[in-house]
Amino acid sequence: MRFGVFYEQQLPRPWADGDEERLFAESLEQVVLADRLGFDNAWVVEHHFLEEYSHSSAPEVFLAAAAARTDRIRLGHGIRHTPAAYNHPARTAEVVSTLDLISHGRMEFGIGEGATRLELAAFGIPAKEKRAMSLEAGEQIANMMTMSPYPGYEGVSFSMPCRNVVPKPVQKPHPPMWIACTNRTTIEVAARNGLGALAFSFVDPAEAEHWVNLYYDIIRSEECLPLGHTVNANVALVTSFSLHDDRAQAIRNGLEGFEFFRYAINALVSYDAVPGRSTLWADFQRDRGDTTQQFIDDALAKGDAYSSAIGTAADARRHMRDLAGAGVDQVIFIQQAGQNRHDDICASLTKFADEVMPEFHAEEAERVVRKARDLQPYIDAALARKPRMRALDDHEIPVVRAAVAKAIVPERRGV
């Protein structure tokens, strides 16, 4: 199993001068630490105007800074908004390829569309069309990263003329592609399009196993028709995270932030919002009650049967074993959430890397080889089914005429 860290850049009110600067500095410190500790991935979202919940509106800038400070950890758009009204597909292809070059081939590319009216309405994206827009753009972004020149496209949500989109990525044909998944339907969408599934619904291992089996059944079927030029057959599950030798203290350190994360996801879709006057944290505090103490009591009552990534290292190990048994390929930890403290986050990452992660990493190489051997015939068949954009012959490439007609310069003759 692989392990990742995840960033929304949450910043509950009240805010003081310097808080956003500190937030980003601490997040970069955590990614650098995760790289040193041997974590596999760092994922960064893209959201716009979602005060308190996510201040990560320019993830490509954060990822570039992380690439410059790290050596091994893979860096991911988890996700980048791909409808053209957010980010023109050519610009996304340029950004992802540039990040892949800067990171020496460590990029992962997740596509998605956003869910809130704060975002969708601001960019003029109809909610009922956002999924189709995202998939349409995602397919063309993959073509732009692989074709020289890109032949041009006349589509439903965007069009562009023939151009050679540069630079091209290090990873060939392009970085692994993923899609954000919040329910069973999007898990199926991921598999049908040959995309990795970034699962943001918080499920127990039994439910995760059902999702994983559904995903891989489709990958192995004729339903799989790759969106990109590879099949990235992987299921990653986002989960809560906070470790301490004292289980109750781990819960105190991390549970409230995770509860805020879940609360805000629902509130941003279900409740009205007043731009510049958000009250998410205050509303959460008003509505939550004293759930932390009940959670502590329940966890302590279960003793060694307790299984969660909020708890002791032994608790986390049991939970990871359950998820590995369910077939989950990667677990991504939500640690930067609510008002969780930087020092507690770093301590949790270190404890997990020291006491839990090594045994799973020791099994990973063999698992990957076994999985690739099993899936390769199905992936080959899926790629053979893929309809591909036809490359232009040289004589078909249109000439882009100069903006100003060339002046006719008289021929100079010798005297």
Protein backbone atom coordinates (compact mmCIF):
# COMPACT_ATOMS: atom_id res chain seq x y z
CA MET A 1 0.00 0.00 0.00
CA ARG A 2 1.06 3.58 -0.68
CA PHE A 3 0.47 6.57 1.59
CA GLY A 4 -0.21 10.22 0.83
CA VAL A 5 -0.87 13.54 2.52
CA PHE A 6 -3.66 15.87 1.48
CA TYR A 7 -4.11 19.66 1.51
CA GLU A 8 -7.22 21.81 1.32
CA GLN A 9 -5.43 24.74 3.02
CA GLN A 10 -8.19 25.15 5.60
CA LEU A 11 -8.20 28.34 7.64
CA PRO A 12 -11.16 28.76 10.04
CA ARG A 13 -12.05 32.24 11.20
CA PRO A 14 -11.18 34.49 12.97
CA TRP A 15 -8.20 35.49 10.83
CA ALA A 16 -5.22 37.61 11.80
CA ASP A 17 -2.58 39.23 9.60
CA GLY A 18 -0.06 36.61 8.56
CA ASP A 19 -2.34 33.59 9.04
CA GLU A 20 -2.49 32.66 5.34
CA GLU A 21 1.27 33.07 4.99
CA ARG A 22 1.81 30.80 8.01
CA LEU A 23 -0.68 28.27 6.65
CA PHE A 24 1.18 27.84 3.38
CA ALA A 25 4.61 27.84 5.03
CA GLU A 26 3.56 25.11 7.46
CA SER A 27 1.99 23.05 4.69
CA LEU A 28 5.22 23.17 2.69
CA GLU A 29 7.17 22.15 5.80
CA GLN A 30 4.84 19.16 6.17
CA VAL A 31 5.34 18.09 2.55
CA VAL A 32 9.11 18.36 2.94
CA LEU A 33 8.88 16.26 6.09
CA ALA A 34 6.66 13.70 4.36
CA ASP A 35 9.21 13.46 1.55
CA ARG A 36 12.04 12.85 4.03
CA LEU A 37 9.98 10.27 5.93
CA GLY A 38 9.20 8.25 2.79
CA PHE A 39 5.54 9.08 2.15
CA ASP A 40 4.59 8.36 -1.44
CA ASN A 41 2.31 11.24 -2.49
CA ALA A 42 1.29 14.79 -1.63
CA TRP A 43 -2.06 15.92 -3.03
CA VAL A 44 -3.35 19.49 -3.33
CA VAL A 45 -6.90 20.53 -4.23
CA GLU A 46 -8.15 23.43 -6.31
CA HIS A 47 -11.07 25.45 -4.95
CA HIS A 48 -12.21 29.03 -5.40
CA PHE A 49 -13.95 31.41 -3.01
CA LEU A 50 -14.51 28.73 -0.32
CA GLU A 51 -13.52 30.79 2.70
CA GLU A 52 -12.33 28.82 5.73
CA TYR A 53 -12.78 25.48 3.96
CA SER A 54 -10.10 25.84 1.27
CA HIS A 55 -7.67 28.65 0.47
CA SER A 56 -5.97 26.52 -2.21
CA SER A 57 -7.01 28.45 -5.30
CA ALA A 58 -3.64 28.24 -7.12
CA PRO A 59 -2.40 24.69 -6.42
CA GLU A 60 0.08 24.76 -9.29
CA VAL A 61 2.06 27.43 -7.42
CA PHE A 62 2.13 25.35 -4.23
CA LEU A 63 3.10 22.24 -6.20
CA ALA A 64 5.96 24.08 -7.91
CA ALA A 65 7.26 25.22 -4.52
CA ALA A 66 6.93 21.67 -3.19
CA ALA A 67 8.72 20.25 -6.24
CA ALA A 68 11.66 22.58 -5.63
CA ARG A 69 11.93 21.50 -1.98
CA THR A 70 11.52 17.71 -2.35
CA ASP A 71 13.30 14.86 -4.07
CA ARG A 72 11.17 11.72 -4.12
CA ILE A 73 7.56 12.24 -3.10
CA ARG A 74 5.07 12.29 -5.98
CA LEU A 75 3.04 15.49 -6.28
CA GLY A 76 -0.57 15.55 -7.35
CA HIS A 77 -3.36 17.81 -8.50
CA GLY A 78 -6.04 16.24 -6.38
CA ILE A 79 -7.82 17.71 -8.29
CA ARG A 80 -7.42 20.52 -10.86
CA HIS A 81 -10.67 21.95 -12.17
CA THR A 82 -10.73 21.00 -15.84
CA PRO A 83 -13.84 22.64 -17.37
CA ALA A 84 -12.55 25.30 -19.76
CA ALA A 85 -14.25 28.16 -17.94
CA TYR A 86 -12.04 27.47 -14.90
CA ASN A 87 -8.81 26.59 -16.71
CA HIS A 88 -8.49 26.43 -20.48
CA PRO A 89 -7.38 22.89 -21.39
CA ALA A 90 -4.25 24.15 -23.17
CA ARG A 91 -3.24 26.03 -20.01
CA THR A 92 -3.80 22.92 -17.92
CA ALA A 93 -1.66 20.85 -20.30
CA GLU A 94 1.08 23.48 -20.08
CA VAL A 95 0.90 23.64 -16.27
CA VAL A 96 0.90 19.88 -15.71
CA SER A 97 3.75 19.32 -18.18
CA THR A 98 5.82 22.13 -16.67
CA LEU A 99 5.31 20.73 -13.17
CA ASP A 100 6.32 17.29 -14.44
CA LEU A 101 9.55 18.78 -15.83
CA ILE A 102 10.33 20.74 -12.67
CA SER A 103 9.70 17.68 -10.48
CA HIS A 104 11.64 15.35 -12.80
CA GLY A 105 8.63 13.18 -13.56
CA ARG A 106 6.82 13.14 -10.22
CA MET A 107 3.43 14.60 -11.19
CA GLU A 108 -0.01 13.01 -10.85
CA PHE A 109 -2.93 14.71 -12.60
CA GLY A 110 -6.42 14.55 -11.12
CA ILE A 111 -9.39 16.04 -12.97
CA GLY A 112 -12.64 17.33 -11.51
CA GLU A 113 -15.29 19.99 -11.75
CA GLY A 114 -16.19 21.51 -8.38
CA ALA A 115 -19.50 21.18 -6.57
CA THR A 116 -20.53 24.48 -5.02
CA ARG A 117 -22.47 27.36 -6.50
CA LEU A 118 -19.83 29.72 -5.13
CA GLU A 119 -17.47 28.22 -7.71
CA LEU A 120 -19.71 27.04 -10.53
CA ALA A 121 -21.85 30.16 -10.79
CA ALA A 122 -18.84 32.49 -10.60
CA PHE A 123 -17.31 30.83 -13.67
CA GLY A 124 -20.59 30.37 -15.53
CA ILE A 125 -20.60 26.58 -15.40
CA PRO A 126 -24.03 24.86 -15.39
CA ALA A 127 -24.12 22.27 -12.61
CA LYS A 128 -25.80 19.70 -14.86
CA GLU A 129 -23.05 20.01 -17.47
CA LYS A 130 -19.96 20.15 -15.28
CA ARG A 131 -19.11 16.42 -15.39
CA ALA A 132 -19.37 16.27 -19.19
CA MET A 133 -17.28 19.45 -19.46
CA SER A 134 -14.59 18.00 -17.20
CA LEU A 135 -14.34 14.71 -19.09
CA GLU A 136 -14.34 16.45 -22.48
CA ALA A 137 -11.51 18.72 -21.40
CA GLY A 138 -9.61 15.90 -19.69
CA GLU A 139 -9.47 13.86 -22.88
CA GLN A 140 -8.18 16.82 -24.90
CA ILE A 141 -5.60 17.73 -22.25
CA ALA A 142 -4.16 14.23 -22.62
CA ASN A 143 -4.08 14.70 -26.40
CA MET A 144 -2.34 18.06 -26.02
CA MET A 145 0.39 16.50 -23.88
CA THR A 146 1.05 13.73 -26.40
CA MET A 147 0.54 15.17 -29.91
CA SER A 148 2.90 17.44 -31.90
CA PRO A 149 1.09 19.43 -33.08
CA TYR A 150 -2.28 19.11 -31.39
CA PRO A 151 -4.63 19.02 -34.41
CA GLY A 152 -7.25 21.35 -32.95
CA TYR A 153 -10.73 20.65 -31.66
CA GLU A 154 -14.31 21.78 -32.15
CA GLY A 155 -16.21 20.62 -29.09
CA VAL A 156 -19.23 21.23 -26.94
CA SER A 157 -17.64 23.18 -24.09
CA PHE A 158 -14.54 24.58 -25.82
CA SER A 159 -12.76 24.78 -29.14
CA MET A 160 -9.23 25.65 -30.18
CA PRO A 161 -7.20 25.69 -33.39
CA CYS A 162 -4.21 23.54 -34.26
CA ARG A 163 -1.24 24.42 -32.06
CA ASN A 164 1.77 22.59 -30.65
CA VAL A 165 1.22 22.73 -26.89
CA VAL A 166 4.59 22.92 -25.16
CA PRO A 167 6.33 21.85 -23.05
CA LYS A 168 5.74 18.11 -23.08
CA PRO A 169 5.90 16.12 -19.83
CA VAL A 170 8.75 13.88 -18.70
CA GLN A 171 6.41 10.93 -18.10
CA LYS A 172 5.31 9.31 -21.33
CA PRO A 173 2.76 9.49 -22.73
CA HIS A 174 1.64 11.75 -19.86
CA PRO A 175 1.42 11.76 -16.04
CA PRO A 176 -1.04 9.31 -14.45
CA MET A 177 -4.60 10.62 -14.58
CA TRP A 178 -7.19 10.46 -11.78
CA ILE A 179 -10.68 11.74 -11.09
CA ALA A 180 -12.33 12.86 -7.85
CA CYS A 181 -14.95 10.36 -6.66
CA THR A 182 -17.59 11.07 -4.02
CA ASN A 183 -19.97 8.16 -4.56
CA ARG A 184 -20.48 4.85 -6.35
CA THR A 185 -21.45 6.57 -9.60
CA THR A 186 -18.16 8.43 -9.90
CA ILE A 187 -16.20 5.28 -8.99
CA GLU A 188 -17.84 3.72 -12.05
CA VAL A 189 -17.01 6.81 -14.14
CA ALA A 190 -13.36 6.50 -13.09
CA ALA A 191 -13.15 2.85 -14.09
CA ARG A 192 -14.98 3.31 -17.39
CA ASN A 193 -12.51 6.03 -18.35
CA GLY A 194 -9.40 4.19 -17.16
CA LEU A 195 -8.73 6.83 -14.50
CA GLY A 196 -7.46 6.41 -10.97
CA ALA A 197 -10.21 6.93 -8.38
CA LEU A 198 -9.56 9.57 -5.71
CA ALA A 199 -12.32 8.58 -3.29
CA PHE A 200 -13.41 11.40 -1.00
CA SER A 201 -16.32 9.59 0.67
CA PHE A 202 -15.42 8.35 4.11
CA VAL A 203 -16.18 4.64 4.16
CA ASP A 204 -15.41 1.68 6.38
CA PRO A 205 -13.28 -1.21 5.04
CA ALA A 206 -16.30 -3.36 4.14
CA GLU A 207 -17.77 -0.59 1.98
CA ALA A 208 -14.33 0.18 0.55
CA GLU A 209 -13.98 -3.44 -0.54
CA HIS A 210 -17.29 -3.21 -2.40
CA TRP A 211 -16.15 -0.05 -4.19
CA VAL A 212 -12.76 -1.52 -5.06
CA ASN A 213 -14.29 -4.71 -6.47
CA LEU A 214 -16.76 -2.68 -8.54
CA TYR A 215 -13.93 -0.51 -9.89
CA TYR A 216 -11.67 -3.39 -10.91
CA ASP A 217 -14.53 -5.41 -12.39
CA ILE A 218 -15.12 -2.51 -14.81
CA ILE A 219 -11.38 -2.09 -15.51
CA ARG A 220 -11.33 -5.75 -16.58
CA SER A 221 -14.44 -5.37 -18.74
CA GLU A 222 -15.12 -3.98 -22.21
CA GLU A 223 -16.74 -0.98 -20.51
CA CYS A 224 -13.27 0.47 -19.89
CA LEU A 225 -12.53 3.00 -22.64
CA PRO A 226 -9.51 5.09 -21.59
CA LEU A 227 -9.91 8.86 -21.50
CA GLY A 228 -6.16 9.36 -21.67
CA HIS A 229 -3.38 7.39 -23.35
CA THR A 230 -2.79 5.11 -20.37
CA VAL A 231 -4.95 3.24 -17.87
CA ASN A 232 -4.19 4.30 -14.30
CA ALA A 233 -5.83 1.43 -12.40
CA ASN A 234 -5.69 2.62 -8.79
CA VAL A 235 -8.09 3.36 -5.96
CA ALA A 236 -7.00 5.92 -3.36
CA LEU A 237 -9.07 6.52 -0.24
CA VAL A 238 -8.98 9.76 1.75
CA THR A 239 -9.25 9.28 5.51
CA SER A 240 -8.73 11.08 8.83
CA PHE A 241 -5.37 11.01 10.59
CA SER A 242 -3.91 11.81 14.00
CA LEU A 243 -1.50 9.63 15.99
CA HIS A 244 -0.27 9.72 19.59
CA ASP A 245 0.87 7.14 22.13
CA ASP A 246 -2.21 8.12 24.14
CA ARG A 247 -5.30 7.26 22.10
CA ALA A 248 -7.45 9.87 23.82
CA GLN A 249 -4.88 12.56 23.08
CA ALA A 250 -4.72 11.56 19.42
CA ILE A 251 -8.48 12.00 19.24
CA ARG A 252 -8.31 15.39 20.95
CA ASN A 253 -5.58 16.49 18.53
CA GLY A 254 -7.24 15.40 15.30
CA LEU A 255 -10.93 14.60 15.52
CA GLU A 256 -12.29 18.14 15.64
CA GLY A 257 -10.43 19.14 12.48
CA PHE A 258 -11.72 16.10 10.61
CA GLU A 259 -15.28 16.76 11.80
CA PHE A 260 -14.98 20.33 10.52
CA PHE A 261 -13.78 19.00 7.18
CA ARG A 262 -16.89 16.83 6.85
CA TYR A 263 -19.22 19.53 8.17
CA ALA A 264 -17.93 22.15 5.75
CA ILE A 265 -18.29 19.87 2.70
CA ASN A 266 -21.99 19.58 3.41
CA ALA A 267 -22.52 23.18 4.51
CA LEU A 268 -20.98 24.68 1.38
CA VAL A 269 -23.46 22.76 -0.79
CA SER A 270 -26.51 22.89 1.48
CA TYR A 271 -26.45 26.35 3.07
CA ASP A 272 -26.53 29.90 1.73
CA ALA A 273 -23.22 31.79 1.71
CA VAL A 274 -22.39 35.48 2.05
CA PRO A 275 -19.05 36.23 0.32
CA GLY A 276 -16.53 37.76 2.67
CA ARG A 277 -18.67 37.02 5.73
CA SER A 278 -18.33 33.26 6.15
CA THR A 279 -19.18 31.73 9.54
CA LEU A 280 -18.30 28.08 8.86
CA TRP A 281 -16.19 27.50 11.98
CA ALA A 282 -18.63 29.33 14.25
CA ASP A 283 -21.56 27.39 12.78
CA PHE A 284 -19.66 24.13 13.21
CA GLN A 285 -18.91 24.90 16.85
CA ARG A 286 -22.55 25.77 17.43
CA ASP A 287 -23.89 22.60 15.83
CA ARG A 288 -21.40 19.87 16.74
CA GLY A 289 -21.99 19.34 20.44
CA ASP A 290 -19.39 17.50 22.53
CA THR A 291 -18.78 14.65 20.12
CA THR A 292 -15.06 14.37 20.94
CA GLN A 293 -15.61 13.00 24.43
CA GLN A 294 -18.14 10.44 23.21
CA PHE A 295 -15.71 9.37 20.50
CA ILE A 296 -12.95 9.01 23.11
CA ASP A 297 -15.19 6.97 25.39
CA ASP A 298 -16.23 4.65 22.56
CA ALA A 299 -12.64 4.20 21.37
CA LEU A 300 -11.35 3.43 24.86
CA ALA A 301 -14.18 0.95 25.41
CA LYS A 302 -13.16 -0.99 22.29
CA GLY A 303 -9.59 -1.37 23.54
CA ASP A 304 -7.38 -3.34 21.17
CA ALA A 305 -10.34 -3.85 18.82
CA TYR A 306 -10.32 -0.13 17.96
CA SER A 307 -9.27 0.51 14.35
CA SER A 308 -8.79 4.02 12.98
CA ALA A 309 -6.07 6.35 11.72
CA ILE A 310 -7.00 8.61 14.63
CA GLY A 311 -5.46 6.83 17.60
CA THR A 312 -2.25 5.00 18.43
CA ALA A 313 0.19 3.52 15.93
CA ALA A 314 -1.31 0.09 16.68
CA ASP A 315 -4.79 1.42 15.91
CA ALA A 316 -3.57 2.86 12.60
CA ARG A 317 -1.81 -0.40 11.72
CA ARG A 318 -5.04 -2.37 12.21
CA HIS A 319 -6.95 0.15 10.10
CA MET A 320 -4.39 0.04 7.30
CA ARG A 321 -4.51 -3.78 7.34
CA ASP A 322 -8.29 -3.63 6.99
CA LEU A 323 -8.04 -1.21 4.04
CA ALA A 324 -5.24 -3.20 2.40
CA GLY A 325 -7.40 -6.31 2.73
CA ALA A 326 -10.19 -4.40 1.00
CA GLY A 327 -7.87 -3.82 -1.96
CA VAL A 328 -7.26 -0.07 -1.49
CA ASP A 329 -4.09 0.94 -3.36
CA GLN A 330 -3.33 4.19 -1.52
CA VAL A 331 -4.51 5.82 1.70
CA ILE A 332 -4.37 9.62 1.71
CA PHE A 333 -4.36 11.28 5.12
CA ILE A 334 -6.35 14.42 5.95
CA GLN A 335 -4.22 16.01 8.61
CA GLN A 336 -4.32 19.73 7.76
CA ALA A 337 -7.95 20.39 8.71
CA GLY A 338 -9.82 22.75 11.00
CA GLN A 339 -7.48 24.06 13.66
CA ASN A 340 -5.25 21.00 13.88
CA ARG A 341 -1.81 22.12 15.06
CA HIS A 342 1.28 21.99 12.86
CA ASP A 343 3.41 20.36 15.58
CA ASP A 344 0.82 17.62 16.14
CA ILE A 345 0.61 16.97 12.39
CA CYS A 346 4.39 16.62 12.08
CA ALA A 347 4.52 14.34 15.11
CA SER A 348 1.78 12.14 13.66
CA LEU A 349 3.52 11.87 10.29
CA THR A 350 6.77 10.92 12.00
CA LYS A 351 5.14 8.29 14.23
CA PHE A 352 3.35 6.70 11.27
CA ALA A 353 6.54 6.62 9.19
CA ASP A 354 8.54 5.11 12.03
CA GLU A 355 6.06 2.58 13.39
CA VAL A 356 3.53 1.67 10.70
CA MET A 357 4.59 2.49 7.15
CA PRO A 358 7.71 0.29 6.76
CA GLU A 359 5.88 -3.04 6.90
CA PHE A 360 3.43 -1.94 4.21
CA HIS A 361 6.16 -0.55 1.97
CA ALA A 362 8.07 -3.82 2.31
CA GLU A 363 5.12 -5.60 0.66
CA GLU A 364 4.46 -2.96 -2.01
CA ALA A 365 6.94 -3.97 -4.73
CA GLU A 366 5.65 -7.54 -4.86
CA ARG A 367 2.03 -6.35 -4.79
CA VAL A 368 2.61 -3.95 -7.70
CA VAL A 369 4.26 -6.66 -9.83
CA ARG A 370 1.47 -9.13 -9.09
CA LYS A 371 -1.21 -6.54 -9.85
CA ALA A 372 0.45 -5.44 -13.12
CA ARG A 373 0.72 -9.04 -14.28
CA ASP A 374 -2.97 -9.59 -13.61
CA LEU A 375 -4.23 -6.37 -15.22
CA GLN A 376 -1.90 -5.95 -18.22
CA PRO A 377 -4.00 -7.99 -20.69
CA TYR A 378 -7.10 -5.99 -19.78
CA ILE A 379 -5.23 -2.68 -20.02
CA ASP A 380 -3.81 -3.63 -23.41
CA ALA A 381 -7.31 -4.50 -24.62
CA ALA A 382 -8.74 -1.23 -23.28
CA LEU A 383 -6.06 0.85 -25.00
CA ALA A 384 -6.67 -1.04 -28.25
CA ARG A 385 -10.37 -0.05 -28.04
CA LYS A 386 -9.62 3.62 -27.48
CA PRO A 387 -10.68 5.97 -30.32
CA ARG A 388 -7.71 8.21 -31.04
CA MET A 389 -7.46 11.67 -32.51
CA ARG A 390 -5.78 11.43 -35.89
CA ALA A 391 -2.40 13.12 -36.17
CA LEU A 392 -1.99 15.58 -39.03
CA ASP A 393 0.35 14.93 -41.90
CA ASP A 394 2.80 17.75 -42.53
CA HIS A 395 0.86 19.06 -45.52
CA GLU A 396 -2.31 19.22 -43.39
CA ILE A 397 -0.85 21.44 -40.66
CA PRO A 398 -2.40 24.88 -41.19
CA VAL A 399 -0.14 27.88 -41.65
CA VAL A 400 -0.75 30.58 -39.04
CA ARG A 401 -0.51 33.79 -41.01
CA ALA A 402 1.49 36.68 -39.66
CA ALA A 403 -0.43 39.49 -38.00
CA VAL A 404 1.20 42.08 -40.27
CA ALA A 405 1.85 41.61 -43.96
CA LYS A 406 5.52 41.49 -44.79
CA ALA A 407 6.88 44.60 -46.47
CA ILE A 408 8.33 44.00 -49.90
CA VAL A 409 12.02 44.91 -49.72
CA PRO A 410 13.59 45.78 -53.10
CA GLU A 411 16.41 43.50 -54.11
CA ARG A 412 19.81 45.08 -53.49
CA ARG A 413 22.22 44.98 -56.35
CA GLY A 414 25.93 45.47 -56.29
CA VAL A 415 27.39 48.68 -57.65
